Amino acid sequence: PGYRRGALRPRRAAGSYRPSYEEMLRFYSYYKQATAGRCQGPRPGFWDPIGRYKWDAWHSLGRMSKEEAMAAYVAEMKKVAQKVAR
C-alpha cells in the first residue's frame, strides 16, 4: 500500500525542495526493480550518460526482490519526507 501510493502519486513538495541526483537514481532503481525485476539489458553506450547512470543504479541492486525494492522505495520516501518537513 505505501509503495503504491508513493509510486503512483508523487507529490510536489511545497517550497523549493529538489531531490539530489543520487536520490532520484535511488527512486528510479527501486521502482524499476519492483516493477520490472532484475536489470538484465545491456549497459547503454558512451553517448547516453543519463541512461548509463540509470542502468548502473538499477544494476547495482542485483537480485533484490520485488518486495525488498518496494520497502526500500518507501523507506527512501520517508527520508525525503523528513527533509521536506524540516
PDB file of N, CA and C in Angstrom:
ATOM      1  N   PRO A   1       0.818  -1.210   0.000  1.00  0.00           N
ATOM      2  CA  PRO A   1       0.000   0.000   0.000  1.00  0.00           C
ATOM      3  C   PRO A   1       0.857   1.269   0.000  1.00  0.00           C
ATOM      4  N   GLY A   2       1.867   1.363   0.863  1.00  0.00           N
ATOM      5  CA  GLY A   2       2.696   2.560   0.921  1.00  0.00           C
ATOM      6  C   GLY A   2       3.471   2.758  -0.362  1.00  0.00           C
ATOM      7  N   TYR A   3       3.980   1.680  -0.922  1.00  0.00           N
ATOM      8  CA  TYR A   3       4.742   1.772  -2.168  1.00  0.00           C
ATOM      9  C   TYR A   3       3.851   2.276  -3.290  1.00  0.00           C
ATOM     10  N   ARG A   4       2.687   1.692  -3.406  1.00  0.00           N
ATOM     11  CA  ARG A   4       1.780   2.055  -4.498  1.00  0.00           C
ATOM     12  C   ARG A   4       1.376   3.523  -4.402  1.00  0.00           C
ATOM     13  N   ARG A   5       1.068   3.988  -3.210  1.00  0.00           N
ATOM     14  CA  ARG A   5       0.693   5.397  -3.035  1.00  0.00           C
ATOM     15  C   ARG A   5       1.838   6.307  -3.442  1.00  0.00           C
ATOM     16  N   GLY A   6       3.042   6.000  -2.986  1.00  0.00           N
ATOM     17  CA  GLY A   6       4.194   6.844  -3.287  1.00  0.00           C
ATOM     18  C   GLY A   6       4.608   6.783  -4.742  1.00  0.00           C
ATOM     19  N   ALA A   7       4.538   5.610  -5.331  1.00  0.00           N
ATOM     20  CA  ALA A   7       4.991   5.446  -6.712  1.00  0.00           C
ATOM     21  C   ALA A   7       3.987   5.995  -7.716  1.00  0.00           C
ATOM     22  N   LEU A   8       2.717   5.830  -7.431  1.00  0.00           N
ATOM     23  CA  LEU A   8       1.713   6.234  -8.405  1.00  0.00           C
ATOM     24  C   LEU A   8       1.302   7.689  -8.289  1.00  0.00           C
ATOM     25  N   ARG A   9       1.457   8.274  -7.117  1.00  0.00           N
ATOM     26  CA  ARG A   9       1.054   9.666  -6.943  1.00  0.00           C
ATOM     27  C   ARG A   9       2.164  10.474  -6.302  1.00  0.00           C
ATOM     28  N   PRO A  10       3.238  10.697  -7.020  1.00  0.00           N
ATOM     29  CA  PRO A  10       4.308  11.512  -6.426  1.00  0.00           C
ATOM     30  C   PRO A  10       3.794  12.913  -6.162  1.00  0.00           C
ATOM     31  N   ARG A  11       4.142  13.445  -5.026  1.00  0.00           N
ATOM     32  CA  ARG A  11       3.668  14.766  -4.648  1.00  0.00           C
ATOM     33  C   ARG A  11       4.796  15.768  -4.733  1.00  0.00           C
ATOM     34  N   ARG A  12       4.483  16.913  -5.238  1.00  0.00           N
ATOM     35  CA  ARG A  12       5.447  18.010  -5.301  1.00  0.00           C
ATOM     36  C   ARG A  12       5.456  18.684  -3.944  1.00  0.00           C
ATOM     37  N   ALA A  13       6.609  18.767  -3.341  1.00  0.00           N
ATOM     38  CA  ALA A  13       6.741  19.387  -2.027  1.00  0.00           C
ATOM     39  C   ALA A  13       6.521  20.886  -2.140  1.00  0.00           C
ATOM     40  N   ALA A  14       5.839  21.442  -1.144  1.00  0.00           N
ATOM     41  CA  ALA A  14       5.683  22.891  -1.088  1.00  0.00           C
ATOM     42  C   ALA A  14       7.054  23.492  -0.812  1.00  0.00           C
ATOM     43  N   GLY A  15       7.356  24.586  -1.445  1.00  0.00           N
ATOM     44  CA  GLY A  15       8.660  25.195  -1.231  1.00  0.00           C
ATOM     45  C   GLY A  15       9.620  24.832  -2.339  1.00  0.00           C
ATOM     46  N   SER A  16      10.894  24.865  -2.031  1.00  0.00           N
ATOM     47  CA  SER A  16      11.896  24.715  -3.079  1.00  0.00           C
ATOM     48  C   SER A  16      12.707  23.429  -2.973  1.00  0.00           C
ATOM     49  N   TYR A  17      12.187  22.415  -2.319  1.00  0.00           N
ATOM     50  CA  TYR A  17      12.941  21.169  -2.204  1.00  0.00           C
ATOM     51  C   TYR A  17      13.119  20.532  -3.574  1.00  0.00           C
ATOM     52  N   ARG A  18      14.320  20.148  -3.860  1.00  0.00           N
ATOM     53  CA  ARG A  18      14.630  19.423  -5.097  1.00  0.00           C
ATOM     54  C   ARG A  18      15.489  18.232  -4.710  1.00  0.00           C
ATOM     55  N   PRO A  19      15.032  17.008  -5.036  1.00  0.00           N
ATOM     56  CA  PRO A  19      15.845  15.843  -4.685  1.00  0.00           C
ATOM     57  C   PRO A  19      17.179  15.867  -5.420  1.00  0.00           C
ATOM     58  N   SER A  20      18.182  15.318  -4.781  1.00  0.00           N
ATOM     59  CA  SER A  20      19.501  15.234  -5.408  1.00  0.00           C
ATOM     60  C   SER A  20      19.457  14.205  -6.539  1.00  0.00           C
ATOM     61  N   TYR A  21      20.454  14.246  -7.389  1.00  0.00           N
ATOM     62  CA  TYR A  21      20.532  13.252  -8.460  1.00  0.00           C
ATOM     63  C   TYR A  21      20.646  11.846  -7.877  1.00  0.00           C
ATOM     64  N   GLU A  22      21.380  11.717  -6.771  1.00  0.00           N
ATOM     65  CA  GLU A  22      21.522  10.406  -6.130  1.00  0.00           C
ATOM     66  C   GLU A  22      20.173   9.897  -5.636  1.00  0.00           C
ATOM     67  N   GLU A  23      19.378  10.794  -5.028  1.00  0.00           N
ATOM     68  CA  GLU A  23      18.048  10.383  -4.563  1.00  0.00           C
ATOM     69  C   GLU A  23      17.180   9.958  -5.742  1.00  0.00           C
ATOM     70  N   MET A  24      17.207  10.739  -6.805  1.00  0.00           N
ATOM     71  CA  MET A  24      16.398  10.395  -7.976  1.00  0.00           C
ATOM     72  C   MET A  24      16.822   9.057  -8.569  1.00  0.00           C
ATOM     73  N   LEU A  25      18.117   8.779  -8.583  1.00  0.00           N
ATOM     74  CA  LEU A  25      18.588   7.494  -9.095  1.00  0.00           C
ATOM     75  C   LEU A  25      18.162   6.344  -8.189  1.00  0.00           C
ATOM     76  N   ARG A  26      18.178   6.566  -6.877  1.00  0.00           N
ATOM     77  CA  ARG A  26      17.713   5.513  -5.961  1.00  0.00           C
ATOM     78  C   ARG A  26      16.234   5.224  -6.202  1.00  0.00           C
ATOM     79  N   PHE A  27      15.406   6.283  -6.300  1.00  0.00           N
ATOM     80  CA  PHE A  27      13.985   6.071  -6.576  1.00  0.00           C
ATOM     81  C   PHE A  27      13.797   5.313  -7.889  1.00  0.00           C
ATOM     82  N   TYR A  28      14.512   5.724  -8.913  1.00  0.00           N
ATOM     83  CA  TYR A  28      14.414   5.065 -10.215  1.00  0.00           C
ATOM     84  C   TYR A  28      14.773   3.586 -10.104  1.00  0.00           C
ATOM     85  N   SER A  29      15.895   3.305  -9.447  1.00  0.00           N
ATOM     86  CA  SER A  29      16.353   1.915  -9.379  1.00  0.00           C
ATOM     87  C   SER A  29      15.387   1.043  -8.588  1.00  0.00           C
ATOM     88  N   TYR A  30      14.867   1.547  -7.464  1.00  0.00           N
ATOM     89  CA  TYR A  30      13.906   0.763  -6.680  1.00  0.00           C
ATOM     90  C   TYR A  30      12.618   0.547  -7.467  1.00  0.00           C
ATOM     91  N   TYR A  31      12.156   1.586  -8.159  1.00  0.00           N
ATOM     92  CA  TYR A  31      10.940   1.474  -8.963  1.00  0.00           C
ATOM     93  C   TYR A  31      11.119   0.418 -10.056  1.00  0.00           C
ATOM     94  N   LYS A  32      12.231   0.484 -10.782  1.00  0.00           N
ATOM     95  CA  LYS A  32      12.465  -0.477 -11.856  1.00  0.00           C
ATOM     96  C   LYS A  32      12.589  -1.901 -11.318  1.00  0.00           C
ATOM     97  N   GLN A  33      13.277  -2.056 -10.188  1.00  0.00           N
ATOM     98  CA  GLN A  33      13.451  -3.389  -9.600  1.00  0.00           C
ATOM     99  C   GLN A  33      12.092  -3.951  -9.178  1.00  0.00           C
ATOM    100  N   ALA A  34      11.241  -3.082  -8.615  1.00  0.00           N
ATOM    101  CA  ALA A  34       9.928  -3.524  -8.147  1.00  0.00           C
ATOM    102  C   ALA A  34       8.980  -3.838  -9.297  1.00  0.00           C
ATOM    103  N   THR A  35       9.088  -3.113 -10.398  1.00  0.00           N
ATOM    104  CA  THR A  35       8.138  -3.290 -11.495  1.00  0.00           C
ATOM    105  C   THR A  35       8.640  -4.179 -12.623  1.00  0.00           C
ATOM    106  N   ALA A  36       9.944  -4.194 -12.864  1.00  0.00           N
ATOM    107  CA  ALA A  36      10.485  -4.958 -13.991  1.00  0.00           C
ATOM    108  C   ALA A  36      11.403  -6.095 -13.565  1.00  0.00           C
ATOM    109  N   GLY A  37      11.782  -6.114 -12.293  1.00  0.00           N
ATOM    110  CA  GLY A  37      12.695  -7.155 -11.832  1.00  0.00           C
ATOM    111  C   GLY A  37      14.146  -6.769 -12.052  1.00  0.00           C
ATOM    112  N   ARG A  38      14.985  -7.767 -12.037  1.00  0.00           N
ATOM    113  CA  ARG A  38      16.433  -7.574 -12.149  1.00  0.00           C
ATOM    114  C   ARG A  38      16.825  -6.914 -13.475  1.00  0.00           C
ATOM    115  N   CYS A  39      17.797  -6.035 -13.425  1.00  0.00           N
ATOM    116  CA  CYS A  39      18.313  -5.365 -14.625  1.00  0.00           C
ATOM    117  C   CYS A  39      19.084  -6.386 -15.458  1.00  0.00           C
ATOM    118  N   GLN A  40      18.612  -6.637 -16.675  1.00  0.00           N
ATOM    119  CA  GLN A  40      19.246  -7.664 -17.499  1.00  0.00           C
ATOM    120  C   GLN A  40      19.705  -7.172 -18.862  1.00  0.00           C
ATOM    121  N   GLY A  41      19.293  -5.997 -19.265  1.00  0.00           N
ATOM    122  CA  GLY A  41      19.675  -5.492 -20.582  1.00  0.00           C
ATOM    123  C   GLY A  41      21.117  -5.026 -20.612  1.00  0.00           C
ATOM    124  N   PRO A  42      21.613  -4.743 -21.803  1.00  0.00           N
ATOM    125  CA  PRO A  42      22.991  -4.249 -21.923  1.00  0.00           C
ATOM    126  C   PRO A  42      23.113  -2.817 -21.409  1.00  0.00           C
ATOM    127  N   ARG A  43      24.286  -2.480 -20.940  1.00  0.00           N
ATOM    128  CA  ARG A  43      24.545  -1.127 -20.447  1.00  0.00           C
ATOM    129  C   ARG A  43      24.537  -0.157 -21.630  1.00  0.00           C
ATOM    130  N   PRO A  44      23.838   0.983 -21.492  1.00  0.00           N
ATOM    131  CA  PRO A  44      23.829   1.965 -22.583  1.00  0.00           C
ATOM    132  C   PRO A  44      25.241   2.430 -22.930  1.00  0.00           C
ATOM    133  N   GLY A  45      25.388   2.900 -24.142  1.00  0.00           N
ATOM    134  CA  GLY A  45      26.694   3.304 -24.644  1.00  0.00           C
ATOM    135  C   GLY A  45      27.182   4.642 -24.119  1.00  0.00           C
ATOM    136  N   PHE A  46      28.380   4.970 -24.512  1.00  0.00           N
ATOM    137  CA  PHE A  46      29.072   6.181 -24.081  1.00  0.00           C
ATOM    138  C   PHE A  46      28.262   7.445 -24.342  1.00  0.00           C
ATOM    139  N   TRP A  47      27.533   7.497 -25.438  1.00  0.00           N
ATOM    140  CA  TRP A  47      26.803   8.703 -25.830  1.00  0.00           C
ATOM    141  C   TRP A  47      25.480   8.852 -25.101  1.00  0.00           C
ATOM    142  N   ASP A  48      25.178   7.974 -24.167  1.00  0.00           N
ATOM    143  CA  ASP A  48      23.945   8.051 -23.364  1.00  0.00           C
ATOM    144  C   ASP A  48      24.313   8.049 -21.885  1.00  0.00           C
ATOM    145  N   PRO A  49      24.912   9.138 -21.380  1.00  0.00           N
ATOM    146  CA  PRO A  49      25.369   9.140 -19.988  1.00  0.00           C
ATOM    147  C   PRO A  49      24.231   9.014 -18.977  1.00  0.00           C
ATOM    148  N   ILE A  50      23.086   9.613 -19.253  1.00  0.00           N
ATOM    149  CA  ILE A  50      21.963   9.503 -18.314  1.00  0.00           C
ATOM    150  C   ILE A  50      21.479   8.063 -18.258  1.00  0.00           C
ATOM    151  N   GLY A  51      21.361   7.434 -19.420  1.00  0.00           N
ATOM    152  CA  GLY A  51      20.980   6.024 -19.456  1.00  0.00           C
ATOM    153  C   GLY A  51      21.965   5.148 -18.698  1.00  0.00           C
ATOM    154  N   ARG A  52      23.244   5.475 -18.795  1.00  0.00           N
ATOM    155  CA  ARG A  52      24.276   4.707 -18.079  1.00  0.00           C
ATOM    156  C   ARG A  52      24.129   4.866 -16.566  1.00  0.00           C
ATOM    157  N   TYR A  53      23.891   6.109 -16.108  1.00  0.00           N
ATOM    158  CA  TYR A  53      23.695   6.332 -14.669  1.00  0.00           C
ATOM    159  C   TYR A  53      22.490   5.549 -14.162  1.00  0.00           C
ATOM    160  N   LYS A  54      21.405   5.599 -14.922  1.00  0.00           N
ATOM    161  CA  LYS A  54      20.195   4.885 -14.516  1.00  0.00           C
ATOM    162  C   LYS A  54      20.434   3.379 -14.511  1.00  0.00           C
ATOM    163  N   TRP A  55      21.085   2.875 -15.558  1.00  0.00           N
ATOM    164  CA  TRP A  55      21.381   1.450 -15.645  1.00  0.00           C
ATOM    165  C   TRP A  55      22.270   1.020 -14.481  1.00  0.00           C
ATOM    166  N   ASP A  56      23.314   1.808 -14.199  1.00  0.00           N
ATOM    167  CA  ASP A  56      24.233   1.479 -13.099  1.00  0.00           C
ATOM    168  C   ASP A  56      23.496   1.404 -11.768  1.00  0.00           C
ATOM    169  N   ALA A  57      22.602   2.373 -11.520  1.00  0.00           N
ATOM    170  CA  ALA A  57      21.848   2.385 -10.261  1.00  0.00           C
ATOM    171  C   ALA A  57      20.962   1.149 -10.158  1.00  0.00           C
ATOM    172  N   TRP A  58      20.255   0.833 -11.222  1.00  0.00           N
ATOM    173  CA  TRP A  58      19.362  -0.328 -11.223  1.00  0.00           C
ATOM    174  C   TRP A  58      20.168  -1.615 -11.130  1.00  0.00           C
ATOM    175  N   HIS A  59      21.213  -1.737 -11.917  1.00  0.00           N
ATOM    176  CA  HIS A  59      22.033  -2.947 -11.937  1.00  0.00           C
ATOM    177  C   HIS A  59      22.674  -3.214 -10.573  1.00  0.00           C
ATOM    178  N   SER A  60      22.978  -2.146  -9.835  1.00  0.00           N
ATOM    179  CA  SER A  60      23.629  -2.302  -8.527  1.00  0.00           C
ATOM    180  C   SER A  60      22.740  -3.020  -7.512  1.00  0.00           C
ATOM    181  N   LEU A  61      21.448  -3.096  -7.774  1.00  0.00           N
ATOM    182  CA  LEU A  61      20.539  -3.776  -6.845  1.00  0.00           C
ATOM    183  C   LEU A  61      20.619  -5.291  -6.961  1.00  0.00           C
ATOM    184  N   GLY A  62      21.230  -5.776  -8.024  1.00  0.00           N
ATOM    185  CA  GLY A  62      21.436  -7.215  -8.169  1.00  0.00           C
ATOM    186  C   GLY A  62      20.150  -8.010  -8.111  1.00  0.00           C
ATOM    187  N   ARG A  63      20.104  -8.971  -7.205  1.00  0.00           N
ATOM    188  CA  ARG A  63      18.961  -9.877  -7.086  1.00  0.00           C
ATOM    189  C   ARG A  63      17.968  -9.438  -6.008  1.00  0.00           C
ATOM    190  N   MET A  64      17.951  -8.165  -5.664  1.00  0.00           N
ATOM    191  CA  MET A  64      16.991  -7.667  -4.675  1.00  0.00           C
ATOM    192  C   MET A  64      15.576  -8.057  -5.125  1.00  0.00           C
ATOM    193  N   SER A  65      14.775  -8.563  -4.194  1.00  0.00           N
ATOM    194  CA  SER A  65      13.422  -8.990  -4.543  1.00  0.00           C
ATOM    195  C   SER A  65      12.507  -7.789  -4.772  1.00  0.00           C
ATOM    196  N   LYS A  66      11.386  -8.064  -5.410  1.00  0.00           N
ATOM    197  CA  LYS A  66      10.377  -7.033  -5.658  1.00  0.00           C
ATOM    198  C   LYS A  66       9.927  -6.408  -4.337  1.00  0.00           C
ATOM    199  N   GLU A  67       9.691  -7.250  -3.345  1.00  0.00           N
ATOM    200  CA  GLU A  67       9.224  -6.770  -2.045  1.00  0.00           C
ATOM    201  C   GLU A  67      10.276  -5.908  -1.353  1.00  0.00           C
ATOM    202  N   GLU A  68      11.538  -6.331  -1.435  1.00  0.00           N
ATOM    203  CA  GLU A  68      12.619  -5.537  -0.841  1.00  0.00           C
ATOM    204  C   GLU A  68      12.745  -4.185  -1.537  1.00  0.00           C
ATOM    205  N   ALA A  69      12.577  -4.178  -2.856  1.00  0.00           N
ATOM    206  CA  ALA A  69      12.658  -2.924  -3.609  1.00  0.00           C
ATOM    207  C   ALA A  69      11.519  -1.989  -3.217  1.00  0.00           C
ATOM    208  N   MET A  70      10.324  -2.537  -3.047  1.00  0.00           N
ATOM    209  CA  MET A  70       9.191  -1.713  -2.619  1.00  0.00           C
ATOM    210  C   MET A  70       9.437  -1.125  -1.236  1.00  0.00           C
ATOM    211  N   ALA A  71       9.938  -1.958  -0.330  1.00  0.00           N
ATOM    212  CA  ALA A  71      10.223  -1.484   1.027  1.00  0.00           C
ATOM    213  C   ALA A  71      11.311  -0.413   1.011  1.00  0.00           C
ATOM    214  N   ALA A  72      12.323  -0.596   0.185  1.00  0.00           N
ATOM    215  CA  ALA A  72      13.399   0.396   0.084  1.00  0.00           C
ATOM    216  C   ALA A  72      12.876   1.701  -0.496  1.00  0.00           C
ATOM    217  N   TYR A  73      11.961   1.613  -1.458  1.00  0.00           N
ATOM    218  CA  TYR A  73      11.354   2.810  -2.054  1.00  0.00           C
ATOM    219  C   TYR A  73      10.603   3.601  -0.985  1.00  0.00           C
ATOM    220  N   VAL A  74       9.800   2.898  -0.194  1.00  0.00           N
ATOM    221  CA  VAL A  74       9.032   3.557   0.871  1.00  0.00           C
ATOM    222  C   VAL A  74       9.972   4.165   1.902  1.00  0.00           C
ATOM    223  N   ALA A  75      11.022   3.451   2.282  1.00  0.00           N
ATOM    224  CA  ALA A  75      11.990   3.974   3.256  1.00  0.00           C
ATOM    225  C   ALA A  75      12.659   5.235   2.718  1.00  0.00           C
ATOM    226  N   GLU A  76      12.997   5.233   1.441  1.00  0.00           N
ATOM    227  CA  GLU A  76      13.615   6.412   0.819  1.00  0.00           C
ATOM    228  C   GLU A  76      12.628   7.576   0.794  1.00  0.00           C
ATOM    229  N   MET A  77      11.364   7.285   0.519  1.00  0.00           N
ATOM    230  CA  MET A  77      10.330   8.323   0.505  1.00  0.00           C
ATOM    231  C   MET A  77      10.177   8.939   1.900  1.00  0.00           C
ATOM    232  N   LYS A  78      10.263   8.109   2.928  1.00  0.00           N
ATOM    233  CA  LYS A  78      10.165   8.622   4.304  1.00  0.00           C
ATOM    234  C   LYS A  78      11.332   9.545   4.624  1.00  0.00           C
ATOM    235  N   LYS A  79      12.524   9.200   4.156  1.00  0.00           N
ATOM    236  CA  LYS A  79      13.692  10.067   4.373  1.00  0.00           C
ATOM    237  C   LYS A  79      13.476  11.427   3.721  1.00  0.00           C
ATOM    238  N   VAL A  80      12.958  11.415   2.506  1.00  0.00           N
ATOM    239  CA  VAL A  80      12.701  12.668   1.796  1.00  0.00           C
ATOM    240  C   VAL A  80      11.625  13.468   2.524  1.00  0.00           C
ATOM    241  N   ALA A  81      10.577  12.794   2.993  1.00  0.00           N
ATOM    242  CA  ALA A  81       9.505  13.484   3.712  1.00  0.00           C
ATOM    243  C   ALA A  81      10.043  14.167   4.966  1.00  0.00           C
ATOM    244  N   GLN A  82      10.983  13.524   5.649  1.00  0.00           N
ATOM    245  CA  GLN A  82      11.584  14.144   6.835  1.00  0.00           C
ATOM    246  C   GLN A  82      12.375  15.384   6.460  1.00  0.00           C
ATOM    247  N   LYS A  83      13.075  15.348   5.333  1.00  0.00           N
ATOM    248  CA  LYS A  83      13.830  16.521   4.880  1.00  0.00           C
ATOM    249  C   LYS A  83      12.888  17.673   4.559  1.00  0.00           C
ATOM    250  N   VAL A  84      11.783  17.351   3.892  1.00  0.00           N
ATOM    251  CA  VAL A  84      10.830  18.376   3.482  1.00  0.00           C
ATOM    252  C   VAL A  84      10.142  18.979   4.699  1.00  0.00           C
ATOM    253  N   ALA A  85       9.881  18.157   5.714  1.00  0.00           N
ATOM    254  CA  ALA A  85       9.174  18.621   6.907  1.00  0.00           C
ATOM    255  C   ALA A  85      10.003  19.592   7.733  1.00  0.00           C
ATOM    256  N   ARG A  86      11.296  19.602   7.554  1.00  0.00           N
ATOM    257  CA  ARG A  86      12.158  20.484   8.340  1.00  0.00           C
ATOM    258  C   ARG A  86      12.015  21.915   7.936  1.00  0.00           C
TER     259      ARG A  86
END
